Every structure is written in structure tokens, then in C-alpha cells.
């Protein structure tokens, strides 16, 4: 078969079926619905016809975990390194411990506050991008309501002074809320006597 195709290409003339002198659709003797079904069975649908993955369903092909988790852990490691190993991190802890003592130690308190709020705003923007990607949309009221209280509770439960303690508090709050949602779901689905 390959030899025939190669020889026709080298000759420079296309094959025209006797069924259709124009060589249009349906002119090839092997064309028809059976051939298309065989092609789809062997190769699957074309890329444009394949359904898009569900929102939030993107998975990192290299590791097999969600991309949001990988970037979250990378941010945690970077922030932990900055807070514990750099002079800037020590200044942030000093300003958080007491502004007057930090000012007397020669730390520019307004500059540290401005940079900390700017970094927090950047992380909020990244979180908003991931949230919009997961829900496949954005709304003005998306961050309001009860989403702020678990974040504050996670930091209080985990304790202060470390990124990893805040992560532990977040895991505790997440597991408690997940279990309560399951309990409410089971009670809602339970048949009434």
C-alpha cells in the first residue's frame, strides 16, 4: 500500500475513482460510515471533539498530584525559608512582636508593614486565580461569607510563629469541617420512620 501511495505522489497525479470523476467526497471506494467508525474505534475522537476536563481536575502529569497542591507547598517552603533564614524574616517577627521595640531596634516599621501587606495581597491574588480556575468563574461575593473565619481559626489553632503550625491548624479545621459536612449529609439522606 505504501508503495502505491509513494508512486502516485512521485507521479504527481491524484487517483480519481471511476465512481466520481470529480474526486469529491465519497469518491474513494473505501469511504463510507464503516470506515469512519473503524477510524474512531482505533484512534478515538479528534482533539476538538473530546470533552474538556472538569474544573479543578487538572493533574500534574509528572507527579500525579494537583498543580494547586504543588504550588501551595512550594509557596510554603519559600515563605518558611524567608521567615526563618533571612534578616527580613527576623524583622517581620520583630515588628509582629512589638512595634515600639522594633522601632527602637532600628527597623523601619512602616516599610516592613507595607511589604508584608503587599506580599499578603499577592498571595490573595494567587489564591483567587486558583479559586476562579477551580470554580470555572468569578463572582464578587465569592470570598465573603464564612470563608474568612476558618482561615483565622486555623492560625489560632495551629499557634503562632511558624508556617508549619498554621498548616497544621488548617488541616485540623479542614478535617473537622469535612466530617461535619459528611454527618449533615448522612442525616439529610436518612429515611424518616
N, C-alpha and C. Protein backbone atom coordinates (compact mmCIF):
# COMPACT_ATOMS: atom_id res chain seq x y z
N UNK A 1 0.82 -1.19 0.00
CA UNK A 1 0.00 0.00 0.00
C UNK A 1 0.87 1.25 0.00
N UNK A 2 1.92 1.24 0.83
CA UNK A 2 2.78 2.41 0.89
C UNK A 2 3.50 2.64 -0.44
N UNK A 3 3.83 1.57 -1.11
CA UNK A 3 4.50 1.73 -2.41
C UNK A 3 3.58 2.40 -3.42
N UNK A 4 2.28 2.00 -3.40
CA UNK A 4 1.34 2.61 -4.33
C UNK A 4 1.18 4.11 -4.05
N UNK A 5 1.08 4.47 -2.79
CA UNK A 5 0.93 5.89 -2.45
C UNK A 5 2.18 6.65 -2.85
N UNK A 6 3.33 6.08 -2.54
CA UNK A 6 4.58 6.75 -2.89
C UNK A 6 4.72 6.92 -4.40
N UNK A 7 4.35 5.89 -5.15
CA UNK A 7 4.48 6.00 -6.61
C UNK A 7 3.51 7.04 -7.17
N UNK A 8 2.31 7.13 -6.63
CA UNK A 8 1.35 8.13 -7.11
C UNK A 8 1.81 9.54 -6.75
N UNK A 9 2.40 9.70 -5.58
CA UNK A 9 2.91 11.02 -5.21
C UNK A 9 4.08 11.43 -6.09
N UNK A 10 4.92 10.45 -6.43
CA UNK A 10 6.04 10.77 -7.29
C UNK A 10 5.59 11.09 -8.71
N UNK A 11 4.50 10.45 -9.15
CA UNK A 11 3.98 10.75 -10.48
C UNK A 11 3.33 12.13 -10.52
N UNK A 12 2.83 12.59 -9.35
CA UNK A 12 2.22 13.92 -9.30
C UNK A 12 0.78 13.96 -9.74
N UNK A 13 0.11 12.84 -9.84
CA UNK A 13 -1.29 12.87 -10.24
C UNK A 13 -2.12 12.13 -9.19
N UNK A 14 -3.20 12.72 -8.77
CA UNK A 14 -4.05 12.08 -7.78
C UNK A 14 -4.89 10.98 -8.41
N UNK A 15 -5.31 10.05 -7.60
CA UNK A 15 -6.15 8.97 -8.08
C UNK A 15 -7.60 9.45 -8.08
N UNK A 16 -8.27 9.29 -9.20
CA UNK A 16 -9.67 9.64 -9.31
C UNK A 16 -10.45 8.36 -9.50
N UNK A 17 -11.40 8.16 -8.61
CA UNK A 17 -12.20 6.95 -8.67
C UNK A 17 -13.15 7.00 -9.85
N UNK A 18 -13.44 5.85 -10.47
CA UNK A 18 -14.40 5.85 -11.57
C UNK A 18 -15.81 6.15 -11.10
N UNK A 19 -16.11 5.99 -9.79
CA UNK A 19 -17.46 6.28 -9.30
C UNK A 19 -17.75 7.77 -9.35
N UNK A 20 -16.75 8.59 -9.12
CA UNK A 20 -16.96 10.03 -9.13
C UNK A 20 -15.80 10.67 -9.87
N UNK A 21 -16.02 11.19 -11.06
CA UNK A 21 -14.91 11.75 -11.83
C UNK A 21 -14.31 12.99 -11.19
N UNK A 22 -15.06 13.65 -10.28
CA UNK A 22 -14.53 14.88 -9.68
C UNK A 22 -13.55 14.58 -8.56
N UNK A 23 -13.63 13.39 -8.00
CA UNK A 23 -12.75 13.06 -6.90
C UNK A 23 -13.20 13.66 -5.59
N UNK A 24 -14.46 14.03 -5.49
CA UNK A 24 -15.01 14.66 -4.29
C UNK A 24 -15.27 13.67 -3.19
N UNK A 25 -16.06 14.08 -2.16
CA UNK A 25 -16.34 13.18 -1.05
C UNK A 25 -17.10 11.95 -1.53
N UNK A 26 -16.74 10.83 -1.02
CA UNK A 26 -17.39 9.59 -1.39
C UNK A 26 -16.82 8.98 -2.64
N UNK A 27 -15.78 9.58 -3.21
CA UNK A 27 -15.23 9.05 -4.45
C UNK A 27 -14.33 7.86 -4.21
N UNK A 28 -13.71 7.78 -3.06
CA UNK A 28 -12.81 6.67 -2.78
C UNK A 28 -13.62 5.43 -2.48
N UNK A 29 -13.25 4.28 -2.99
CA UNK A 29 -14.05 3.08 -2.77
C UNK A 29 -14.12 2.66 -1.31
N UNK A 30 -13.16 3.07 -0.49
CA UNK A 30 -13.20 2.67 0.91
C UNK A 30 -13.88 3.70 1.81
N UNK A 31 -14.36 4.80 1.26
CA UNK A 31 -15.00 5.79 2.10
C UNK A 31 -16.40 5.32 2.44
N UNK A 32 -16.93 5.79 3.56
CA UNK A 32 -18.27 5.41 3.99
C UNK A 32 -18.34 5.37 5.50
N UNK A 33 -19.52 5.10 6.05
CA UNK A 33 -19.67 5.13 7.50
C UNK A 33 -18.88 4.04 8.21
N UNK A 34 -18.69 2.90 7.58
CA UNK A 34 -17.92 1.85 8.23
C UNK A 34 -16.47 2.24 8.42
N UNK A 35 -15.91 2.95 7.47
CA UNK A 35 -14.52 3.36 7.57
C UNK A 35 -14.34 4.39 8.68
N UNK A 36 -15.29 5.34 8.82
CA UNK A 36 -15.21 6.35 9.88
C UNK A 36 -15.32 5.71 11.25
N UNK A 37 -16.21 4.74 11.38
CA UNK A 37 -16.37 4.06 12.67
C UNK A 37 -15.10 3.29 13.03
N UNK A 38 -14.48 2.68 12.03
CA UNK A 38 -13.24 1.97 12.29
C UNK A 38 -12.15 2.93 12.72
N UNK A 39 -12.07 4.08 12.05
CA UNK A 39 -11.07 5.08 12.41
C UNK A 39 -11.28 5.58 13.83
N UNK A 40 -12.53 5.89 14.20
CA UNK A 40 -12.82 6.38 15.55
C UNK A 40 -12.53 5.31 16.59
N UNK A 41 -12.81 4.05 16.25
CA UNK A 41 -12.54 2.99 17.20
C UNK A 41 -11.04 2.81 17.42
N UNK A 42 -10.25 3.01 16.38
CA UNK A 42 -8.80 2.83 16.52
C UNK A 42 -8.12 4.03 17.15
N UNK A 43 -8.51 5.24 16.75
CA UNK A 43 -7.77 6.44 17.14
C UNK A 43 -8.51 7.33 18.13
N UNK A 44 -9.77 7.08 18.39
CA UNK A 44 -10.54 7.94 19.29
C UNK A 44 -11.01 9.18 18.56
N UNK A 45 -11.85 9.99 19.23
CA UNK A 45 -12.35 11.20 18.57
C UNK A 45 -11.25 12.22 18.39
N UNK A 46 -11.42 13.16 17.46
CA UNK A 46 -10.41 14.21 17.31
C UNK A 46 -10.33 15.05 18.57
N UNK A 47 -9.20 15.73 18.75
CA UNK A 47 -8.98 16.50 19.98
C UNK A 47 -10.06 17.55 20.21
N UNK A 48 -10.56 18.17 19.16
CA UNK A 48 -11.57 19.21 19.33
C UNK A 48 -12.89 18.64 19.81
N UNK A 49 -13.15 17.34 19.59
CA UNK A 49 -14.42 16.74 19.99
C UNK A 49 -14.34 16.09 21.36
N UNK A 50 -13.16 16.00 21.93
CA UNK A 50 -13.02 15.39 23.25
C UNK A 50 -13.52 16.35 24.31
N UNK A 51 -14.21 15.86 25.34
CA UNK A 51 -14.71 16.76 26.38
C UNK A 51 -13.57 17.34 27.20
N UNK A 52 -13.77 18.57 27.62
CA UNK A 52 -12.76 19.24 28.44
C UNK A 52 -12.78 18.65 29.84
N UNK A 53 -11.65 18.63 30.54
CA UNK A 53 -11.65 18.10 31.90
C UNK A 53 -12.47 18.98 32.82
N UNK A 54 -12.96 18.40 33.89
CA UNK A 54 -13.79 19.14 34.84
C UNK A 54 -12.97 20.22 35.52
N UNK A 55 -13.60 21.32 35.94
CA UNK A 55 -12.86 22.38 36.64
C UNK A 55 -12.20 21.83 37.90
N UNK A 56 -10.97 22.20 38.10
CA UNK A 56 -10.23 21.73 39.26
C UNK A 56 -9.69 20.32 39.07
N UNK A 57 -9.90 19.72 37.92
CA UNK A 57 -9.47 18.36 37.70
C UNK A 57 -8.12 18.26 37.04
N UNK A 58 -7.43 19.35 36.84
CA UNK A 58 -6.12 19.30 36.21
C UNK A 58 -5.14 18.62 37.16
N UNK A 59 -4.36 17.71 36.63
CA UNK A 59 -3.42 16.96 37.44
C UNK A 59 -2.04 17.10 36.82
N UNK A 60 -1.06 17.25 37.66
CA UNK A 60 0.32 17.33 37.20
C UNK A 60 0.72 15.97 36.66
N UNK A 61 1.07 15.92 35.39
CA UNK A 61 1.38 14.64 34.76
C UNK A 61 2.66 14.01 35.30
N UNK A 62 3.59 14.83 35.78
CA UNK A 62 4.86 14.28 36.22
C UNK A 62 4.73 13.55 37.55
N UNK A 63 3.95 14.10 38.47
CA UNK A 63 3.89 13.55 39.81
C UNK A 63 2.55 12.86 40.08
N UNK A 64 1.47 13.33 39.48
CA UNK A 64 0.16 12.76 39.70
C UNK A 64 -0.63 13.44 40.79
N UNK A 65 -0.23 14.62 41.21
CA UNK A 65 -0.97 15.38 42.22
C UNK A 65 -1.46 16.68 41.59
N UNK A 66 -2.47 17.31 42.18
CA UNK A 66 -2.97 18.56 41.59
C UNK A 66 -1.90 19.66 41.57
N UNK A 67 -1.93 20.47 40.53
CA UNK A 67 -0.98 21.57 40.40
C UNK A 67 -1.12 22.57 41.53
N UNK A 68 -2.34 22.79 42.03
CA UNK A 68 -2.55 23.73 43.12
C UNK A 68 -1.82 23.28 44.38
N UNK A 69 -1.81 21.98 44.64
CA UNK A 69 -1.12 21.47 45.82
C UNK A 69 0.39 21.64 45.68
N UNK A 70 0.91 21.39 44.51
CA UNK A 70 2.35 21.55 44.28
C UNK A 70 2.77 23.00 44.47
N UNK A 71 2.00 23.94 43.90
CA UNK A 71 2.35 25.35 44.05
C UNK A 71 2.15 25.82 45.49
N UNK A 72 1.13 25.30 46.18
CA UNK A 72 0.92 25.66 47.58
C UNK A 72 2.09 25.22 48.44
N UNK A 73 2.54 23.98 48.26
CA UNK A 73 3.68 23.50 49.05
C UNK A 73 4.96 24.26 48.70
N UNK A 74 5.13 24.63 47.43
CA UNK A 74 6.29 25.43 47.05
C UNK A 74 6.25 26.79 47.74
N UNK A 75 5.08 27.42 47.77
CA UNK A 75 4.95 28.71 48.46
C UNK A 75 5.23 28.57 49.95
N UNK A 76 4.75 27.47 50.56
CA UNK A 76 5.02 27.25 51.99
C UNK A 76 6.50 27.13 52.27
N UNK A 77 7.20 26.39 51.44
CA UNK A 77 8.64 26.19 51.66
C UNK A 77 9.39 27.50 51.48
N UNK A 78 9.02 28.28 50.46
CA UNK A 78 9.69 29.56 50.22
C UNK A 78 9.43 30.53 51.37
N UNK A 79 8.18 30.63 51.81
CA UNK A 79 7.86 31.55 52.90
C UNK A 79 8.54 31.11 54.19
N UNK A 80 8.58 29.82 54.46
CA UNK A 80 9.26 29.34 55.66
C UNK A 80 10.74 29.67 55.61
N UNK A 81 11.36 29.50 54.44
CA UNK A 81 12.77 29.83 54.31
C UNK A 81 13.00 31.33 54.55
N UNK A 82 12.16 32.17 53.96
CA UNK A 82 12.33 33.62 54.10
C UNK A 82 12.14 34.05 55.55
N UNK A 83 11.12 33.49 56.22
CA UNK A 83 10.86 33.91 57.60
C UNK A 83 11.91 33.42 58.58
N UNK A 84 12.45 32.24 58.38
CA UNK A 84 13.39 31.70 59.37
C UNK A 84 14.85 31.95 59.06
N UNK A 85 15.22 32.18 57.80
CA UNK A 85 16.63 32.22 57.44
C UNK A 85 17.14 33.57 56.94
N UNK A 86 16.27 34.57 56.82
CA UNK A 86 16.73 35.86 56.30
C UNK A 86 16.54 36.96 57.34
N UNK A 87 17.26 38.06 57.13
CA UNK A 87 17.12 39.21 58.02
C UNK A 87 15.73 39.83 57.89
N UNK A 88 15.16 39.78 56.70
CA UNK A 88 13.81 40.32 56.51
C UNK A 88 12.81 39.55 57.37
N UNK A 89 12.93 38.24 57.43
CA UNK A 89 12.04 37.43 58.25
C UNK A 89 12.15 37.77 59.73
N UNK A 90 13.38 38.01 60.20
CA UNK A 90 13.56 38.39 61.60
C UNK A 90 12.95 39.76 61.87
N UNK A 91 13.02 40.64 60.89
CA UNK A 91 12.40 41.96 61.05
C UNK A 91 10.87 41.84 61.09
N UNK A 92 10.32 40.95 60.28
CA UNK A 92 8.86 40.74 60.30
C UNK A 92 8.43 40.22 61.67
N UNK A 93 9.15 39.25 62.23
CA UNK A 93 8.82 38.75 63.55
C UNK A 93 8.99 39.83 64.61
N UNK A 94 10.01 40.68 64.45
CA UNK A 94 10.22 41.76 65.43
C UNK A 94 9.08 42.76 65.40
N UNK A 95 8.62 43.13 64.21
CA UNK A 95 7.50 44.08 64.10
C UNK A 95 6.23 43.43 64.62
N UNK A 96 6.04 42.14 64.36
CA UNK A 96 4.86 41.45 64.87
C UNK A 96 4.88 41.30 66.38
N UNK A 97 6.07 41.18 66.96
CA UNK A 97 6.18 41.04 68.40
C UNK A 97 5.95 42.34 69.15
N UNK A 98 6.36 43.44 68.59
CA UNK A 98 6.17 44.74 69.24
C UNK A 98 6.70 45.85 68.35
N UNK A 99 5.84 46.75 67.96
CA UNK A 99 6.25 47.80 67.02
C UNK A 99 7.21 48.79 67.67
N UNK A 100 6.98 49.12 68.92
CA UNK A 100 7.86 50.10 69.57
C UNK A 100 9.26 49.54 69.78
N UNK A 101 9.34 48.28 70.17
CA UNK A 101 10.66 47.65 70.35
C UNK A 101 11.38 47.53 69.00
N UNK A 102 10.65 47.22 67.94
CA UNK A 102 11.26 47.13 66.62
C UNK A 102 11.74 48.49 66.14
N UNK A 103 10.95 49.52 66.42
CA UNK A 103 11.35 50.88 66.02
C UNK A 103 12.62 51.29 66.76
N UNK A 104 12.72 50.95 68.04
CA UNK A 104 13.91 51.31 68.81
C UNK A 104 15.12 50.47 68.41
N UNK A 105 14.87 49.32 67.82
CA UNK A 105 15.97 48.48 67.34
C UNK A 105 16.49 48.95 65.98
N UNK A 106 15.86 49.95 65.39
CA UNK A 106 16.32 50.50 64.13
C UNK A 106 15.64 49.90 62.90
N UNK A 107 14.53 49.23 63.09
CA UNK A 107 13.80 48.64 61.97
C UNK A 107 12.78 49.65 61.46
N UNK A 108 12.69 49.81 60.16
CA UNK A 108 11.70 50.69 59.56
C UNK A 108 10.34 49.99 59.59
N UNK A 109 9.56 50.27 60.61
CA UNK A 109 8.28 49.59 60.82
C UNK A 109 7.30 49.84 59.67
N UNK A 110 7.14 51.09 59.21
CA UNK A 110 6.20 51.28 58.09
C UNK A 110 6.59 50.52 56.83
N UNK A 111 7.89 50.44 56.54
CA UNK A 111 8.31 49.71 55.35
C UNK A 111 8.04 48.21 55.49
N UNK A 112 8.30 47.64 56.65
CA UNK A 112 8.02 46.22 56.87
C UNK A 112 6.52 45.95 56.76
N UNK A 113 5.70 46.82 57.34
CA UNK A 113 4.24 46.64 57.25
C UNK A 113 3.76 46.71 55.81
N UNK A 114 4.27 47.66 55.05
CA UNK A 114 3.85 47.81 53.65
C UNK A 114 4.24 46.58 52.85
N UNK A 115 5.45 46.09 53.03
CA UNK A 115 5.88 44.92 52.25
C UNK A 115 5.11 43.67 52.66
N UNK A 116 4.81 43.52 53.95
CA UNK A 116 4.06 42.35 54.40
C UNK A 116 2.64 42.39 53.82
N UNK A 117 2.02 43.57 53.81
CA UNK A 117 0.67 43.67 53.22
C UNK A 117 0.71 43.45 51.71
N UNK A 118 1.77 43.90 51.06
CA UNK A 118 1.89 43.67 49.61
C UNK A 118 2.06 42.18 49.30
N UNK A 119 2.87 41.50 50.09
CA UNK A 119 3.05 40.06 49.89
C UNK A 119 1.74 39.32 50.17
N UNK A 120 1.03 39.73 51.23
CA UNK A 120 -0.26 39.09 51.53
C UNK A 120 -1.26 39.33 50.39
N UNK A 121 -1.24 40.53 49.81
CA UNK A 121 -2.11 40.80 48.66
C UNK A 121 -1.75 39.96 47.45
N UNK A 122 -0.46 39.74 47.24
CA UNK A 122 -0.03 38.87 46.14
C UNK A 122 -0.49 37.44 46.33
N UNK A 123 -0.37 36.93 47.56
CA UNK A 123 -0.85 35.58 47.83
C UNK A 123 -2.37 35.49 47.70
N UNK A 124 -3.08 36.54 48.10
CA UNK A 124 -4.54 36.56 47.92
C UNK A 124 -4.91 36.52 46.44
N UNK A 125 -4.14 37.24 45.62
CA UNK A 125 -4.39 37.22 44.17
C UNK A 125 -4.15 35.84 43.58
N UNK A 126 -3.07 35.19 44.00
CA UNK A 126 -2.79 33.84 43.51
C UNK A 126 -3.88 32.87 43.96
N UNK A 127 -4.32 33.00 45.21
CA UNK A 127 -5.42 32.17 45.71
C UNK A 127 -6.71 32.42 44.94
N UNK A 128 -6.97 33.68 44.60
CA UNK A 128 -8.15 33.99 43.80
C UNK A 128 -8.08 33.40 42.40
N UNK A 129 -6.90 33.38 41.83
CA UNK A 129 -6.73 32.78 40.50
C UNK A 129 -6.99 31.27 40.57
N UNK A 130 -6.46 30.61 41.60
CA UNK A 130 -6.72 29.18 41.74
C UNK A 130 -8.20 28.90 42.03
N UNK A 131 -8.83 29.77 42.84
CA UNK A 131 -10.25 29.59 43.14
C UNK A 131 -11.10 29.78 41.89
N UNK A 132 -10.78 30.79 41.09
CA UNK A 132 -11.52 31.00 39.85
C UNK A 132 -11.29 29.85 38.87
N UNK A 133 -10.11 29.30 38.84
CA UNK A 133 -9.85 28.16 37.98
C UNK A 133 -10.58 26.91 38.44
N UNK A 134 -10.73 26.75 39.74
CA UNK A 134 -11.44 25.57 40.26
C UNK A 134 -12.93 25.67 40.04
N UNK A 135 -13.50 26.85 40.23
CA UNK A 135 -14.95 27.01 40.07
C UNK A 135 -15.34 27.40 38.66
N UNK A 136 -14.36 27.61 37.78
CA UNK A 136 -14.60 27.99 36.38
C UNK A 136 -15.40 29.27 36.28
N UNK A 137 -15.11 30.22 37.14
CA UNK A 137 -15.79 31.50 37.08
C UNK A 137 -15.38 32.36 38.25
N UNK A 138 -15.88 33.58 38.26
CA UNK A 138 -15.58 34.50 39.35
C UNK A 138 -16.82 35.30 39.68
N UNK A 139 -16.97 35.64 40.95
CA UNK A 139 -18.11 36.45 41.39
C UNK A 139 -17.62 37.41 42.47
N UNK A 140 -18.30 38.51 42.61
CA UNK A 140 -17.89 39.50 43.62
C UNK A 140 -18.06 38.96 45.03
N UNK A 141 -19.03 38.13 45.25
CA UNK A 141 -19.31 37.63 46.60
C UNK A 141 -18.60 36.31 46.88
N UNK A 142 -17.64 35.90 46.07
CA UNK A 142 -17.01 34.58 46.22
C UNK A 142 -16.18 34.49 47.49
N UNK A 143 -15.48 35.54 47.89
CA UNK A 143 -14.61 35.46 49.06
C UNK A 143 -15.29 35.85 50.35
N UNK A 144 -16.51 36.31 50.30
CA UNK A 144 -17.19 36.75 51.51
C UNK A 144 -17.85 35.61 52.24
N UNK A 145 -18.58 35.98 53.25
CA UNK A 145 -19.32 34.97 54.00
C UNK A 145 -18.46 34.26 55.01
N UNK A 146 -18.50 32.95 54.98
CA UNK A 146 -17.84 32.16 56.01
C UNK A 146 -16.46 31.66 55.60
N UNK A 147 -15.87 32.19 54.55
CA UNK A 147 -14.56 31.69 54.14
C UNK A 147 -13.42 32.32 54.92
N UNK A 148 -13.65 33.44 55.57
CA UNK A 148 -12.57 34.09 56.32
C UNK A 148 -12.40 33.47 57.70
N UNK A 149 -13.49 33.04 58.32
CA UNK A 149 -13.42 32.51 59.68
C UNK A 149 -12.56 31.25 59.79
N UNK A 150 -12.66 30.28 58.89
CA UNK A 150 -11.76 29.11 59.02
C UNK A 150 -10.28 29.47 58.87
N UNK A 151 -9.96 30.49 58.08
CA UNK A 151 -8.55 30.88 57.93
C UNK A 151 -8.02 31.44 59.24
N UNK A 152 -8.81 32.27 59.89
CA UNK A 152 -8.38 32.83 61.19
C UNK A 152 -8.30 31.72 62.23
N UNK A 153 -9.29 30.82 62.24
CA UNK A 153 -9.30 29.73 63.22
C UNK A 153 -8.12 28.80 63.02
N UNK A 154 -7.71 28.58 61.77
CA UNK A 154 -6.57 27.71 61.52
C UNK A 154 -5.29 28.27 62.12
N UNK A 155 -5.11 29.58 62.01
CA UNK A 155 -3.91 30.19 62.59
C UNK A 155 -3.97 30.15 64.10
N UNK A 156 -5.15 30.39 64.68
CA UNK A 156 -5.28 30.35 66.14
C UNK A 156 -5.06 28.94 66.67
N UNK A 157 -5.64 27.94 66.01
CA UNK A 157 -5.47 26.56 66.47
C UNK A 157 -4.03 26.09 66.29
N UNK A 158 -3.41 26.42 65.17
CA UNK A 158 -2.05 25.98 64.91
C UNK A 158 -1.02 26.66 65.78
N UNK A 159 -1.31 27.82 66.25
CA UNK A 159 -0.34 28.57 67.05
C UNK A 159 0.38 29.59 66.20
N UNK A 160 1.22 30.37 66.80
CA UNK A 160 1.91 31.41 66.04
C UNK A 160 3.40 31.15 66.03
N UNK A 161 4.04 31.73 65.03
CA UNK A 161 5.48 31.63 64.97
C UNK A 161 6.04 30.71 63.90
N UNK A 162 5.19 29.96 63.22
CA UNK A 162 5.71 29.05 62.20
C UNK A 162 4.68 28.85 61.10
N UNK A 163 5.16 28.69 59.90
CA UNK A 163 4.29 28.40 58.77
C UNK A 163 3.69 27.01 58.91
N UNK A 164 4.47 26.08 59.43
CA UNK A 164 4.02 24.69 59.53
C UNK A 164 2.95 24.54 60.60
N UNK A 165 2.99 25.32 61.65
CA UNK A 165 1.92 25.25 62.65
C UNK A 165 0.61 25.79 62.07
N UNK A 166 0.69 26.82 61.22
CA UNK A 166 -0.52 27.31 60.55
C UNK A 166 -1.06 26.25 59.60
N UNK A 167 -0.17 25.51 58.93
CA UNK A 167 -0.62 24.42 58.06
C UNK A 167 -1.30 23.32 58.87
N UNK A 168 -0.75 23.00 60.03
CA UNK A 168 -1.38 22.00 60.89
C UNK A 168 -2.77 22.46 61.32
N UNK A 169 -2.90 23.73 61.71
CA UNK A 169 -4.22 24.26 62.06
C UNK A 169 -5.20 24.20 60.90
N UNK A 170 -4.70 24.46 59.69
CA UNK A 170 -5.56 24.39 58.51
C UNK A 170 -6.03 22.96 58.27
N UNK A 171 -5.14 21.98 58.46
CA UNK A 171 -5.53 20.59 58.28
C UNK A 171 -6.56 20.16 59.32
N UNK A 172 -6.42 20.64 60.57
CA UNK A 172 -7.40 20.31 61.61
C UNK A 172 -8.76 20.90 61.26
N UNK A 173 -8.79 22.18 60.89
CA UNK A 173 -10.05 22.82 60.52
C UNK A 173 -10.67 22.13 59.31
N UNK A 174 -9.86 21.78 58.32
CA UNK A 174 -10.37 21.11 57.13
C UNK A 174 -10.97 19.75 57.45
N UNK A 175 -10.31 18.98 58.31
CA UNK A 175 -10.84 17.66 58.64
C UNK A 175 -12.12 17.77 59.46
N UNK A 176 -12.19 18.73 60.37
CA UNK A 176 -13.41 18.92 61.17
C UNK A 176 -14.58 19.34 60.28
N UNK A 177 -14.33 20.28 59.37
CA UNK A 177 -15.42 20.73 58.50
C UNK A 177 -15.84 19.63 57.53
N UNK A 178 -14.90 18.83 57.07
CA UNK A 178 -15.24 17.73 56.16
C UNK A 178 -16.10 16.69 56.87
N UNK A 179 -15.73 16.35 58.11
CA UNK A 179 -16.52 15.37 58.87
C UNK A 179 -17.91 15.91 59.19
N UNK A 180 -18.00 17.20 59.51
CA UNK A 180 -19.32 17.75 59.81
C UNK A 180 -20.19 17.79 58.55
N UNK A 181 -19.60 18.07 57.40
CA UNK A 181 -20.38 18.05 56.16
C UNK A 181 -20.87 16.65 55.85
N UNK A 182 -20.04 15.64 56.09
CA UNK A 182 -20.47 14.26 55.86
C UNK A 182 -21.59 13.87 56.81
N UNK A 183 -21.48 14.28 58.10
CA UNK A 183 -22.51 13.94 59.08
C UNK A 183 -23.84 14.60 58.71
N UNK A 184 -23.79 15.86 58.28
CA UNK A 184 -25.02 16.54 57.88
C UNK A 184 -25.61 15.88 56.64
N UNK A 185 -24.76 15.48 55.71
CA UNK A 185 -25.25 14.81 54.51
C UNK A 185 -25.91 13.48 54.82
N UNK A 186 -25.32 12.71 55.76
CA UNK A 186 -25.92 11.43 56.13
C UNK A 186 -27.25 11.64 56.85
N UNK A 187 -27.30 12.65 57.72
CA UNK A 187 -28.56 12.92 58.43
C UNK A 187 -29.62 13.41 57.47
N UNK A 188 -29.24 14.14 56.45
CA UNK A 188 -30.21 14.64 55.48
C UNK A 188 -30.76 13.52 54.61
N UNK A 189 -29.90 12.54 54.30
CA UNK A 189 -30.34 11.43 53.45
C UNK A 189 -31.02 10.32 54.23
N UNK A 190 -30.94 10.34 55.55
CA UNK A 190 -31.50 9.25 56.35
C UNK A 190 -33.02 9.22 56.20
N UNK A 191 -33.57 8.03 56.01
CA UNK A 191 -35.03 7.95 55.86
C UNK A 191 -35.73 8.23 57.18
N UNK A 192 -36.86 8.86 57.08
CA UNK A 192 -37.66 9.15 58.28
C UNK A 192 -38.61 7.99 58.54
N UNK A 193 -38.76 7.60 59.81
CA UNK A 193 -39.63 6.45 60.11
C UNK A 193 -41.10 6.80 60.01
